[in-house]
Amino acid sequence: MNTITKSPNLSYFPTPAQRKDWDPLRPIRRWINSITVKNSRFAHFVCQLIPCECPFERDVVLLGRKLFHIPPLCKLNPFYNEIVGLRFRALTYLSDVCEVDVTQYIC
């Protein structure tokens, strides 16, 4: 009995180069990067909402001795760079356009 087997069509499997460029979070990244800061009230809100340093980094101390260190976990956020960029755009808007002293928002 002769059976004819077709070779599988591998065109629907992404190549390694295509997999590297594939980012399911890209639409959200683009949306965050497209947010423009146009008024001072929004800029102040962004600067107050987004901290200047990671609030999760801690040293656990017991009886004056450091037991262990919890590293900053903000870098695990897939949108960390975009959020920090939004905060920077807000700070820049406040200092350049509104000429507000932004030292209260800088750690």
PDB file of N, CA and C in Angstrom:
ATOM      1  N   MET A   1       0.834  -1.160   0.000  1.00  0.00           N
ATOM      2  CA  MET A   1       0.000   0.000   0.000  1.00  0.00           C
ATOM      3  C   MET A   1       0.892   1.240   0.000  1.00  0.00           C
ATOM      4  N   ASN A   2       0.717   2.057  -0.958  1.00  0.00           N
ATOM      5  CA  ASN A   2       1.502   3.281  -1.067  1.00  0.00           C
ATOM      6  C   ASN A   2       0.728   4.442  -0.457  1.00  0.00           C
ATOM      7  N   THR A   3       1.323   5.030   0.537  1.00  0.00           N
ATOM      8  CA  THR A   3       0.702   6.217   1.119  1.00  0.00           C
ATOM      9  C   THR A   3       1.590   7.412   0.827  1.00  0.00           C
ATOM     10  N   ILE A   4       0.950   8.443   0.464  1.00  0.00           N
ATOM     11  CA  ILE A   4       1.682   9.663   0.151  1.00  0.00           C
ATOM     12  C   ILE A   4       1.571  10.574   1.367  1.00  0.00           C
ATOM     13  N   THR A   5       2.693  10.908   1.895  1.00  0.00           N
ATOM     14  CA  THR A   5       2.698  11.816   3.041  1.00  0.00           C
ATOM     15  C   THR A   5       3.190  13.166   2.589  1.00  0.00           C
ATOM     16  N   LYS A   6       2.482  14.156   2.986  1.00  0.00           N
ATOM     17  CA  LYS A   6       2.890  15.522   2.670  1.00  0.00           C
ATOM     18  C   LYS A   6       3.850  16.010   3.736  1.00  0.00           C
ATOM     19  N   SER A   7       4.804  16.731   3.309  1.00  0.00           N
ATOM     20  CA  SER A   7       5.673  17.341   4.311  1.00  0.00           C
ATOM     21  C   SER A   7       4.888  18.462   4.972  1.00  0.00           C
ATOM     22  N   PRO A   8       5.037  18.611   6.266  1.00  0.00           N
ATOM     23  CA  PRO A   8       4.246  19.634   6.955  1.00  0.00           C
ATOM     24  C   PRO A   8       4.623  21.029   6.490  1.00  0.00           C
ATOM     25  N   ASN A   9       3.623  21.858   6.412  1.00  0.00           N
ATOM     26  CA  ASN A   9       3.849  23.248   6.034  1.00  0.00           C
ATOM     27  C   ASN A   9       4.353  23.994   7.265  1.00  0.00           C
ATOM     28  N   LEU A  10       5.605  24.346   7.240  1.00  0.00           N
ATOM     29  CA  LEU A  10       6.228  24.984   8.404  1.00  0.00           C
ATOM     30  C   LEU A  10       6.163  26.503   8.339  1.00  0.00           C
ATOM     31  N   SER A  11       5.455  27.039   7.356  1.00  0.00           N
ATOM     32  CA  SER A  11       5.433  28.487   7.203  1.00  0.00           C
ATOM     33  C   SER A  11       4.681  29.178   8.337  1.00  0.00           C
ATOM     34  N   TYR A  12       3.807  28.467   9.026  1.00  0.00           N
ATOM     35  CA  TYR A  12       3.076  29.115  10.110  1.00  0.00           C
ATOM     36  C   TYR A  12       3.819  29.063  11.433  1.00  0.00           C
ATOM     37  N   PHE A  13       4.943  28.398  11.495  1.00  0.00           N
ATOM     38  CA  PHE A  13       5.772  28.421  12.690  1.00  0.00           C
ATOM     39  C   PHE A  13       6.723  29.615  12.600  1.00  0.00           C
ATOM     40  N   PRO A  14       6.738  30.472  13.598  1.00  0.00           N
ATOM     41  CA  PRO A  14       7.614  31.640  13.512  1.00  0.00           C
ATOM     42  C   PRO A  14       9.087  31.248  13.621  1.00  0.00           C
ATOM     43  N   THR A  15       9.884  31.948  12.885  1.00  0.00           N
ATOM     44  CA  THR A  15      11.331  31.743  12.965  1.00  0.00           C
ATOM     45  C   THR A  15      11.830  32.408  14.243  1.00  0.00           C
ATOM     46  N   PRO A  16      13.046  32.082  14.687  1.00  0.00           N
ATOM     47  CA  PRO A  16      13.567  32.744  15.903  1.00  0.00           C
ATOM     48  C   PRO A  16      13.618  34.257  15.784  1.00  0.00           C
ATOM     49  N   ALA A  17      13.916  34.771  14.598  1.00  0.00           N
ATOM     50  CA  ALA A  17      13.960  36.223  14.426  1.00  0.00           C
ATOM     51  C   ALA A  17      12.566  36.830  14.575  1.00  0.00           C
ATOM     52  N   GLN A  18      11.539  36.133  14.074  1.00  0.00           N
ATOM     53  CA  GLN A  18      10.174  36.623  14.208  1.00  0.00           C
ATOM     54  C   GLN A  18       9.702  36.545  15.646  1.00  0.00           C
ATOM     55  N   ARG A  19      10.104  35.522  16.362  1.00  0.00           N
ATOM     56  CA  ARG A  19       9.705  35.382  17.764  1.00  0.00           C
ATOM     57  C   ARG A  19      10.301  36.496  18.615  1.00  0.00           C
ATOM     58  N   LYS A  20      11.518  36.914  18.292  1.00  0.00           N
ATOM     59  CA  LYS A  20      12.176  37.959  19.067  1.00  0.00           C
ATOM     60  C   LYS A  20      11.437  39.290  18.899  1.00  0.00           C
ATOM     61  N   ASP A  21      10.913  39.554  17.717  1.00  0.00           N
ATOM     62  CA  ASP A  21      10.203  40.796  17.463  1.00  0.00           C
ATOM     63  C   ASP A  21       8.761  40.764  17.955  1.00  0.00           C
ATOM     64  N   TRP A  22       8.240  39.607  18.239  1.00  0.00           N
ATOM     65  CA  TRP A  22       6.854  39.475  18.656  1.00  0.00           C
ATOM     66  C   TRP A  22       6.721  39.887  20.111  1.00  0.00           C
ATOM     67  N   ASP A  23       5.903  40.887  20.364  1.00  0.00           N
ATOM     68  CA  ASP A  23       5.712  41.388  21.713  1.00  0.00           C
ATOM     69  C   ASP A  23       4.218  41.603  21.943  1.00  0.00           C
ATOM     70  N   PRO A  24       3.578  40.753  22.729  1.00  0.00           N
ATOM     71  CA  PRO A  24       2.141  40.919  22.941  1.00  0.00           C
ATOM     72  C   PRO A  24       1.783  42.169  23.732  1.00  0.00           C
ATOM     73  N   LEU A  25       2.746  42.768  24.402  1.00  0.00           N
ATOM     74  CA  LEU A  25       2.486  43.965  25.201  1.00  0.00           C
ATOM     75  C   LEU A  25       2.762  45.256  24.424  1.00  0.00           C
ATOM     76  N   ARG A  26       3.158  45.131  23.171  1.00  0.00           N
ATOM     77  CA  ARG A  26       3.509  46.308  22.372  1.00  0.00           C
ATOM     78  C   ARG A  26       2.377  47.327  22.270  1.00  0.00           C
ATOM     79  N   PRO A  27       1.108  46.930  22.096  1.00  0.00           N
ATOM     80  CA  PRO A  27       0.051  47.959  22.037  1.00  0.00           C
ATOM     81  C   PRO A  27      -0.059  48.787  23.313  1.00  0.00           C
ATOM     82  N   ILE A  28       0.102  48.156  24.456  1.00  0.00           N
ATOM     83  CA  ILE A  28       0.032  48.904  25.721  1.00  0.00           C
ATOM     84  C   ILE A  28       1.246  49.807  25.873  1.00  0.00           C
ATOM     85  N   ARG A  29       2.423  49.300  25.454  1.00  0.00           N
ATOM     86  CA  ARG A  29       3.629  50.133  25.498  1.00  0.00           C
ATOM     87  C   ARG A  29       3.457  51.376  24.624  1.00  0.00           C
ATOM     88  N   ARG A  30       2.933  51.182  23.418  1.00  0.00           N
ATOM     89  CA  ARG A  30       2.705  52.318  22.517  1.00  0.00           C
ATOM     90  C   ARG A  30       1.709  53.296  23.117  1.00  0.00           C
ATOM     91  N   TRP A  31       0.658  52.770  23.762  1.00  0.00           N
ATOM     92  CA  TRP A  31      -0.355  53.640  24.345  1.00  0.00           C
ATOM     93  C   TRP A  31       0.250  54.489  25.460  1.00  0.00           C
ATOM     94  N   ILE A  32       1.050  53.877  26.330  1.00  0.00           N
ATOM     95  CA  ILE A  32       1.682  54.644  27.417  1.00  0.00           C
ATOM     96  C   ILE A  32       2.650  55.674  26.839  1.00  0.00           C
ATOM     97  N   ASN A  33       3.412  55.291  25.821  1.00  0.00           N
ATOM     98  CA  ASN A  33       4.360  56.223  25.218  1.00  0.00           C
ATOM     99  C   ASN A  33       3.671  57.342  24.446  1.00  0.00           C
ATOM    100  N   SER A  34       2.424  57.120  24.040  1.00  0.00           N
ATOM    101  CA  SER A  34       1.722  58.158  23.279  1.00  0.00           C
ATOM    102  C   SER A  34       1.035  59.177  24.181  1.00  0.00           C
ATOM    103  N   ILE A  35       1.020  58.943  25.475  1.00  0.00           N
ATOM    104  CA  ILE A  35       0.391  59.902  26.396  1.00  0.00           C
ATOM    105  C   ILE A  35       1.244  61.161  26.431  1.00  0.00           C
ATOM    106  N   THR A  36       0.623  62.269  26.083  1.00  0.00           N
ATOM    107  CA  THR A  36       1.343  63.540  26.111  1.00  0.00           C
ATOM    108  C   THR A  36       0.879  64.341  27.319  1.00  0.00           C
ATOM    109  N   VAL A  37       1.796  65.044  27.893  1.00  0.00           N
ATOM    110  CA  VAL A  37       1.503  65.879  29.060  1.00  0.00           C
ATOM    111  C   VAL A  37       1.237  67.282  28.534  1.00  0.00           C
ATOM    112  N   LYS A  38      -0.020  67.727  28.698  1.00  0.00           N
ATOM    113  CA  LYS A  38      -0.408  69.009  28.119  1.00  0.00           C
ATOM    114  C   LYS A  38      -0.852  70.049  29.143  1.00  0.00           C
ATOM    115  N   ASN A  39      -1.087  69.636  30.377  1.00  0.00           N
ATOM    116  CA  ASN A  39      -1.439  70.640  31.381  1.00  0.00           C
ATOM    117  C   ASN A  39      -0.747  70.325  32.699  1.00  0.00           C
ATOM    118  N   SER A  40      -0.617  71.347  33.509  1.00  0.00           N
ATOM    119  CA  SER A  40       0.164  71.205  34.738  1.00  0.00           C
ATOM    120  C   SER A  40      -0.537  70.326  35.770  1.00  0.00           C
ATOM    121  N   ARG A  41      -1.849  70.339  35.774  1.00  0.00           N
ATOM    122  CA  ARG A  41      -2.572  69.512  36.755  1.00  0.00           C
ATOM    123  C   ARG A  41      -2.300  68.028  36.511  1.00  0.00           C
ATOM    124  N   PHE A  42      -2.350  67.619  35.249  1.00  0.00           N
ATOM    125  CA  PHE A  42      -2.050  66.226  34.913  1.00  0.00           C
ATOM    126  C   PHE A  42      -0.594  65.897  35.217  1.00  0.00           C
ATOM    127  N   ALA A  43       0.313  66.825  34.927  1.00  0.00           N
ATOM    128  CA  ALA A  43       1.734  66.602  35.188  1.00  0.00           C
ATOM    129  C   ALA A  43       1.994  66.421  36.690  1.00  0.00           C
ATOM    130  N   HIS A  44       1.370  67.257  37.512  1.00  0.00           N
ATOM    131  CA  HIS A  44       1.518  67.100  38.964  1.00  0.00           C
ATOM    132  C   HIS A  44       0.957  65.753  39.420  1.00  0.00           C
ATOM    133  N   PHE A  45      -0.191  65.360  38.856  1.00  0.00           N
ATOM    134  CA  PHE A  45      -0.805  64.076  39.215  1.00  0.00           C
ATOM    135  C   PHE A  45       0.128  62.918  38.882  1.00  0.00           C
ATOM    136  N   VAL A  46       0.738  62.939  37.695  1.00  0.00           N
ATOM    137  CA  VAL A  46       1.652  61.867  37.280  1.00  0.00           C
ATOM    138  C   VAL A  46       2.861  61.820  38.198  1.00  0.00           C
ATOM    139  N   CYS A  47       3.412  62.971  38.516  1.00  0.00           N
ATOM    140  CA  CYS A  47       4.605  63.012  39.381  1.00  0.00           C
ATOM    141  C   CYS A  47       4.305  62.541  40.798  1.00  0.00           C
ATOM    142  N   GLN A  48       3.094  62.763  41.271  1.00  0.00           N
ATOM    143  CA  GLN A  48       2.722  62.289  42.600  1.00  0.00           C
ATOM    144  C   GLN A  48       2.382  60.809  42.594  1.00  0.00           C
ATOM    145  N   LEU A  49       1.821  60.342  41.482  1.00  0.00           N
ATOM    146  CA  LEU A  49       1.382  58.951  41.389  1.00  0.00           C
ATOM    147  C   LEU A  49       2.547  57.981  41.197  1.00  0.00           C
ATOM    148  N   ILE A  50       3.508  58.355  40.366  1.00  0.00           N
ATOM    149  CA  ILE A  50       4.634  57.469  40.044  1.00  0.00           C
ATOM    150  C   ILE A  50       5.816  57.844  40.936  1.00  0.00           C
ATOM    151  N   PRO A  51       6.275  56.938  41.791  1.00  0.00           N
ATOM    152  CA  PRO A  51       7.379  57.270  42.702  1.00  0.00           C
ATOM    153  C   PRO A  51       8.711  57.385  41.957  1.00  0.00           C
ATOM    154  N   CYS A  52       9.640  58.127  42.566  1.00  0.00           N
ATOM    155  CA  CYS A  52      10.951  58.309  41.930  1.00  0.00           C
ATOM    156  C   CYS A  52      11.881  57.128  42.174  1.00  0.00           C
ATOM    157  N   GLU A  53      11.624  56.347  43.198  1.00  0.00           N
ATOM    158  CA  GLU A  53      12.392  55.124  43.413  1.00  0.00           C
ATOM    159  C   GLU A  53      11.437  53.999  43.764  1.00  0.00           C
ATOM    160  N   CYS A  54      11.919  52.802  43.625  1.00  0.00           N
ATOM    161  CA  CYS A  54      11.083  51.638  43.851  1.00  0.00           C
ATOM    162  C   CYS A  54      10.675  51.550  45.322  1.00  0.00           C
ATOM    163  N   PRO A  55       9.374  51.528  45.614  1.00  0.00           N
ATOM    164  CA  PRO A  55       8.947  51.487  47.016  1.00  0.00           C
ATOM    165  C   PRO A  55       9.051  50.111  47.652  1.00  0.00           C
ATOM    166  N   PHE A  56       9.397  49.098  46.885  1.00  0.00           N
ATOM    167  CA  PHE A  56       9.424  47.738  47.416  1.00  0.00           C
ATOM    168  C   PHE A  56      10.795  47.310  47.923  1.00  0.00           C
ATOM    169  N   GLU A  57      11.822  48.071  47.632  1.00  0.00           N
ATOM    170  CA  GLU A  57      13.174  47.714  48.072  1.00  0.00           C
ATOM    171  C   GLU A  57      13.282  47.944  49.578  1.00  0.00           C
ATOM    172  N   ARG A  58      13.695  46.923  50.279  1.00  0.00           N
ATOM    173  CA  ARG A  58      13.757  47.000  51.740  1.00  0.00           C
ATOM    174  C   ARG A  58      14.949  46.212  52.293  1.00  0.00           C
ATOM    175  N   ASP A  59      15.399  46.633  53.464  1.00  0.00           N
ATOM    176  CA  ASP A  59      16.316  45.854  54.278  1.00  0.00           C
ATOM    177  C   ASP A  59      15.519  45.347  55.469  1.00  0.00           C
ATOM    178  N   VAL A  60      15.532  44.058  55.685  1.00  0.00           N
ATOM    179  CA  VAL A  60      14.830  43.481  56.828  1.00  0.00           C
ATOM    180  C   VAL A  60      15.826  43.414  57.974  1.00  0.00           C
ATOM    181  N   VAL A  61      15.511  44.161  59.044  1.00  0.00           N
ATOM    182  CA  VAL A  61      16.422  44.304  60.183  1.00  0.00           C
ATOM    183  C   VAL A  61      15.728  43.762  61.430  1.00  0.00           C
ATOM    184  N   LEU A  62      16.453  42.956  62.190  1.00  0.00           N
ATOM    185  CA  LEU A  62      15.945  42.424  63.451  1.00  0.00           C
ATOM    186  C   LEU A  62      17.016  42.634  64.516  1.00  0.00           C
ATOM    187  N   LEU A  63      16.650  43.344  65.555  1.00  0.00           N
ATOM    188  CA  LEU A  63      17.556  43.655  66.665  1.00  0.00           C
ATOM    189  C   LEU A  63      18.820  44.363  66.186  1.00  0.00           C
ATOM    190  N   GLY A  64      18.637  45.266  65.228  1.00  0.00           N
ATOM    191  CA  GLY A  64      19.763  46.048  64.739  1.00  0.00           C
ATOM    192  C   GLY A  64      20.655  45.338  63.749  1.00  0.00           C
ATOM    193  N   ARG A  65      20.328  44.107  63.383  1.00  0.00           N
ATOM    194  CA  ARG A  65      21.145  43.363  62.413  1.00  0.00           C
ATOM    195  C   ARG A  65      20.348  43.151  61.142  1.00  0.00           C
ATOM    196  N   LYS A  66      20.998  43.383  60.053  1.00  0.00           N
ATOM    197  CA  LYS A  66      20.350  43.205  58.761  1.00  0.00           C
ATOM    198  C   LYS A  66      20.269  41.714  58.445  1.00  0.00           C
ATOM    199  N   LEU A  67      19.035  41.208  58.331  1.00  0.00           N
ATOM    200  CA  LEU A  67      18.857  39.794  58.029  1.00  0.00           C
ATOM    201  C   LEU A  67      18.975  39.516  56.530  1.00  0.00           C
ATOM    202  N   PHE A  68      18.271  40.296  55.742  1.00  0.00           N
ATOM    203  CA  PHE A  68      18.348  40.134  54.289  1.00  0.00           C
ATOM    204  C   PHE A  68      17.838  41.391  53.616  1.00  0.00           C
ATOM    205  N   HIS A  69      18.077  41.450  52.331  1.00  0.00           N
ATOM    206  CA  HIS A  69      17.727  42.607  51.511  1.00  0.00           C
ATOM    207  C   HIS A  69      16.727  42.170  50.450  1.00  0.00           C
ATOM    208  N   ILE A  70      15.629  42.889  50.332  1.00  0.00           N
ATOM    209  CA  ILE A  70      14.663  42.644  49.260  1.00  0.00           C
ATOM    210  C   ILE A  70      15.029  43.589  48.115  1.00  0.00           C
ATOM    211  N   PRO A  71      15.397  43.053  46.959  1.00  0.00           N
ATOM    212  CA  PRO A  71      15.821  43.914  45.845  1.00  0.00           C
ATOM    213  C   PRO A  71      14.637  44.684  45.258  1.00  0.00           C
ATOM    214  N   PRO A  72      14.915  45.723  44.479  1.00  0.00           N
ATOM    215  CA  PRO A  72      13.814  46.474  43.860  1.00  0.00           C
ATOM    216  C   PRO A  72      13.072  45.588  42.864  1.00  0.00           C
ATOM    217  N   LEU A  73      11.773  45.492  43.055  1.00  0.00           N
ATOM    218  CA  LEU A  73      10.963  44.628  42.207  1.00  0.00           C
ATOM    219  C   LEU A  73      10.337  45.381  41.043  1.00  0.00           C
ATOM    220  N   CYS A  74      10.541  46.682  40.968  1.00  0.00           N
ATOM    221  CA  CYS A  74       9.928  47.471  39.897  1.00  0.00           C
ATOM    222  C   CYS A  74      10.431  47.050  38.520  1.00  0.00           C
ATOM    223  N   LYS A  75      11.653  46.599  38.444  1.00  0.00           N
ATOM    224  CA  LYS A  75      12.206  46.180  37.151  1.00  0.00           C
ATOM    225  C   LYS A  75      11.480  44.961  36.594  1.00  0.00           C
ATOM    226  N   LEU A  76      10.741  44.245  37.434  1.00  0.00           N
ATOM    227  CA  LEU A  76       9.971  43.104  36.956  1.00  0.00           C
ATOM    228  C   LEU A  76       8.705  43.543  36.232  1.00  0.00           C
ATOM    229  N   ASN A  77       8.297  44.779  36.422  1.00  0.00           N
ATOM    230  CA  ASN A  77       7.128  45.319  35.739  1.00  0.00           C
ATOM    231  C   ASN A  77       7.467  45.461  34.257  1.00  0.00           C
ATOM    232  N   PRO A  78       6.683  44.837  33.362  1.00  0.00           N
ATOM    233  CA  PRO A  78       7.009  44.924  31.935  1.00  0.00           C
ATOM    234  C   PRO A  78       6.845  46.328  31.362  1.00  0.00           C
ATOM    235  N   PHE A  79       6.177  47.215  32.073  1.00  0.00           N
ATOM    236  CA  PHE A  79       5.972  48.583  31.594  1.00  0.00           C
ATOM    237  C   PHE A  79       6.811  49.595  32.373  1.00  0.00           C
ATOM    238  N   TYR A  80       7.831  49.132  33.065  1.00  0.00           N
ATOM    239  CA  TYR A  80       8.642  49.998  33.916  1.00  0.00           C
ATOM    240  C   TYR A  80       9.253  51.161  33.124  1.00  0.00           C
ATOM    241  N   ASN A  81       9.883  50.868  32.007  1.00  0.00           N
ATOM    242  CA  ASN A  81      10.546  51.923  31.226  1.00  0.00           C
ATOM    243  C   ASN A  81       9.544  52.935  30.692  1.00  0.00           C
ATOM    244  N   GLU A  82       8.378  52.478  30.277  1.00  0.00           N
ATOM    245  CA  GLU A  82       7.369  53.389  29.753  1.00  0.00           C
ATOM    246  C   GLU A  82       6.808  54.286  30.857  1.00  0.00           C
ATOM    247  N   ILE A  83       6.609  53.729  32.046  1.00  0.00           N
ATOM    248  CA  ILE A  83       6.069  54.512  33.160  1.00  0.00           C
ATOM    249  C   ILE A  83       7.091  55.539  33.635  1.00  0.00           C
ATOM    250  N   VAL A  84       8.353  55.143  33.703  1.00  0.00           N
ATOM    251  CA  VAL A  84       9.400  56.087  34.091  1.00  0.00           C
ATOM    252  C   VAL A  84       9.527  57.184  33.026  1.00  0.00           C
ATOM    253  N   GLY A  85       9.368  56.822  31.767  1.00  0.00           N
ATOM    254  CA  GLY A  85       9.396  57.817  30.694  1.00  0.00           C
ATOM    255  C   GLY A  85       8.251  58.804  30.800  1.00  0.00           C
ATOM    256  N   LEU A  86       7.064  58.322  31.171  1.00  0.00           N
ATOM    257  CA  LEU A  86       5.919  59.216  31.360  1.00  0.00           C
ATOM    258  C   LEU A  86       6.180  60.173  32.512  1.00  0.00           C
ATOM    259  N   ARG A  87       6.754  59.677  33.586  1.00  0.00           N
ATOM    260  CA  ARG A  87       7.082  60.550  34.726  1.00  0.00           C
ATOM    261  C   ARG A  87       8.115  61.601  34.316  1.00  0.00           C
ATOM    262  N   PHE A  88       9.092  61.186  33.519  1.00  0.00           N
ATOM    263  CA  PHE A  88      10.110  62.124  33.053  1.00  0.00           C
ATOM    264  C   PHE A  88       9.485  63.199  32.152  1.00  0.00           C
ATOM    265  N   ARG A  89       8.563  62.796  31.274  1.00  0.00           N
ATOM    266  CA  ARG A  89       7.898  63.783  30.418  1.00  0.00           C
ATOM    267  C   ARG A  89       7.100  64.783  31.258  1.00  0.00           C
ATOM    268  N   ALA A  90       6.465  64.295  32.331  1.00  0.00           N
ATOM    269  CA  ALA A  90       5.706  65.189  33.209  1.00  0.00           C
ATOM    270  C   ALA A  90       6.638  66.155  33.938  1.00  0.00           C
ATOM    271  N   LEU A  91       7.760  65.642  34.430  1.00  0.00           N
ATOM    272  CA  LEU A  91       8.732  66.518  35.108  1.00  0.00           C
ATOM    273  C   LEU A  91       9.289  67.567  34.143  1.00  0.00           C
ATOM    274  N   THR A  92       9.580  67.142  32.934  1.00  0.00           N
ATOM    275  CA  THR A  92      10.107  68.069  31.935  1.00  0.00           C
ATOM    276  C   THR A  92       9.078  69.144  31.595  1.00  0.00           C
ATOM    277  N   TYR A  93       7.824  68.747  31.460  1.00  0.00           N
ATOM    278  CA  TYR A  93       6.764  69.716  31.176  1.00  0.00           C
ATOM    279  C   TYR A  93       6.659  70.743  32.304  1.00  0.00           C
ATOM    280  N   LEU A  94       6.675  70.260  33.532  1.00  0.00           N
ATOM    281  CA  LEU A  94       6.564  71.177  34.665  1.00  0.00           C
ATOM    282  C   LEU A  94       7.734  72.144  34.732  1.00  0.00           C
ATOM    283  N   SER A  95       8.935  71.643  34.498  1.00  0.00           N
ATOM    284  CA  SER A  95      10.105  72.517  34.643  1.00  0.00           C
ATOM    285  C   SER A  95      10.300  73.440  33.443  1.00  0.00           C
ATOM    286  N   ASP A  96      10.073  72.945  32.230  1.00  0.00           N
ATOM    287  CA  ASP A  96      10.341  73.751  31.033  1.00  0.00           C
ATOM    288  C   ASP A  96       9.176  74.652  30.637  1.00  0.00           C
ATOM    289  N   VAL A  97       7.985  74.108  30.606  1.00  0.00           N
ATOM    290  CA  VAL A  97       6.835  74.875  30.123  1.00  0.00           C
ATOM    291  C   VAL A  97       6.211  75.699  31.247  1.00  0.00           C
ATOM    292  N   CYS A  98       5.948  75.055  32.379  1.00  0.00           N
ATOM    293  CA  CYS A  98       5.280  75.748  33.493  1.00  0.00           C
ATOM    294  C   CYS A  98       6.252  76.492  34.386  1.00  0.00           C
ATOM    295  N   GLU A  99       7.532  76.206  34.250  1.00  0.00           N
ATOM    296  CA  GLU A  99       8.592  76.814  35.064  1.00  0.00           C
ATOM    297  C   GLU A  99       8.316  76.655  36.557  1.00  0.00           C
ATOM    298  N   VAL A 100       7.944  75.436  36.931  1.00  0.00           N
ATOM    299  CA  VAL A 100       7.673  75.086  38.320  1.00  0.00           C
ATOM    300  C   VAL A 100       8.919  74.425  38.902  1.00  0.00           C
ATOM    301  N   ASP A 101       9.179  74.665  40.174  1.00  0.00           N
ATOM    302  CA  ASP A 101      10.286  74.011  40.855  1.00  0.00           C
ATOM    303  C   ASP A 101       9.900  72.547  41.118  1.00  0.00           C
ATOM    304  N   VAL A 102      10.615  71.597  40.505  1.00  0.00           N
ATOM    305  CA  VAL A 102      10.266  70.175  40.602  1.00  0.00           C
ATOM    306  C   VAL A 102      11.118  69.435  41.623  1.00  0.00           C
ATOM    307  N   THR A 103      11.839  70.148  42.455  1.00  0.00           N
ATOM    308  CA  THR A 103      12.698  69.466  43.437  1.00  0.00           C
ATOM    309  C   THR A 103      11.901  68.644  44.428  1.00  0.00           C
ATOM    310  N   GLN A 104      10.629  68.965  44.619  1.00  0.00           N
ATOM    311  CA  GLN A 104       9.800  68.169  45.541  1.00  0.00           C
ATOM    312  C   GLN A 104       9.515  66.788  44.993  1.00  0.00           C
ATOM    313  N   TYR A 105       9.632  66.611  43.678  1.00  0.00           N
ATOM    314  CA  TYR A 105       9.357  65.309  43.050  1.00  0.00           C
ATOM    315  C   TYR A 105      10.623  64.489  42.794  1.00  0.00           C
ATOM    316  N   ILE A 106      11.776  65.051  43.076  1.00  0.00           N
ATOM    317  CA  ILE A 106      13.037  64.363  42.817  1.00  0.00           C
ATOM    318  C   ILE A 106      13.596  63.851  44.142  1.00  0.00           C
ATOM    319  N   CYS A 107      13.999  62.585  44.158  1.00  0.00           N
ATOM    320  CA  CYS A 107      14.522  61.977  45.395  1.00  0.00           C
ATOM    321  C   CYS A 107      15.972  62.310  45.607  1.00  0.00           C
TER     322      CYS A 107
END
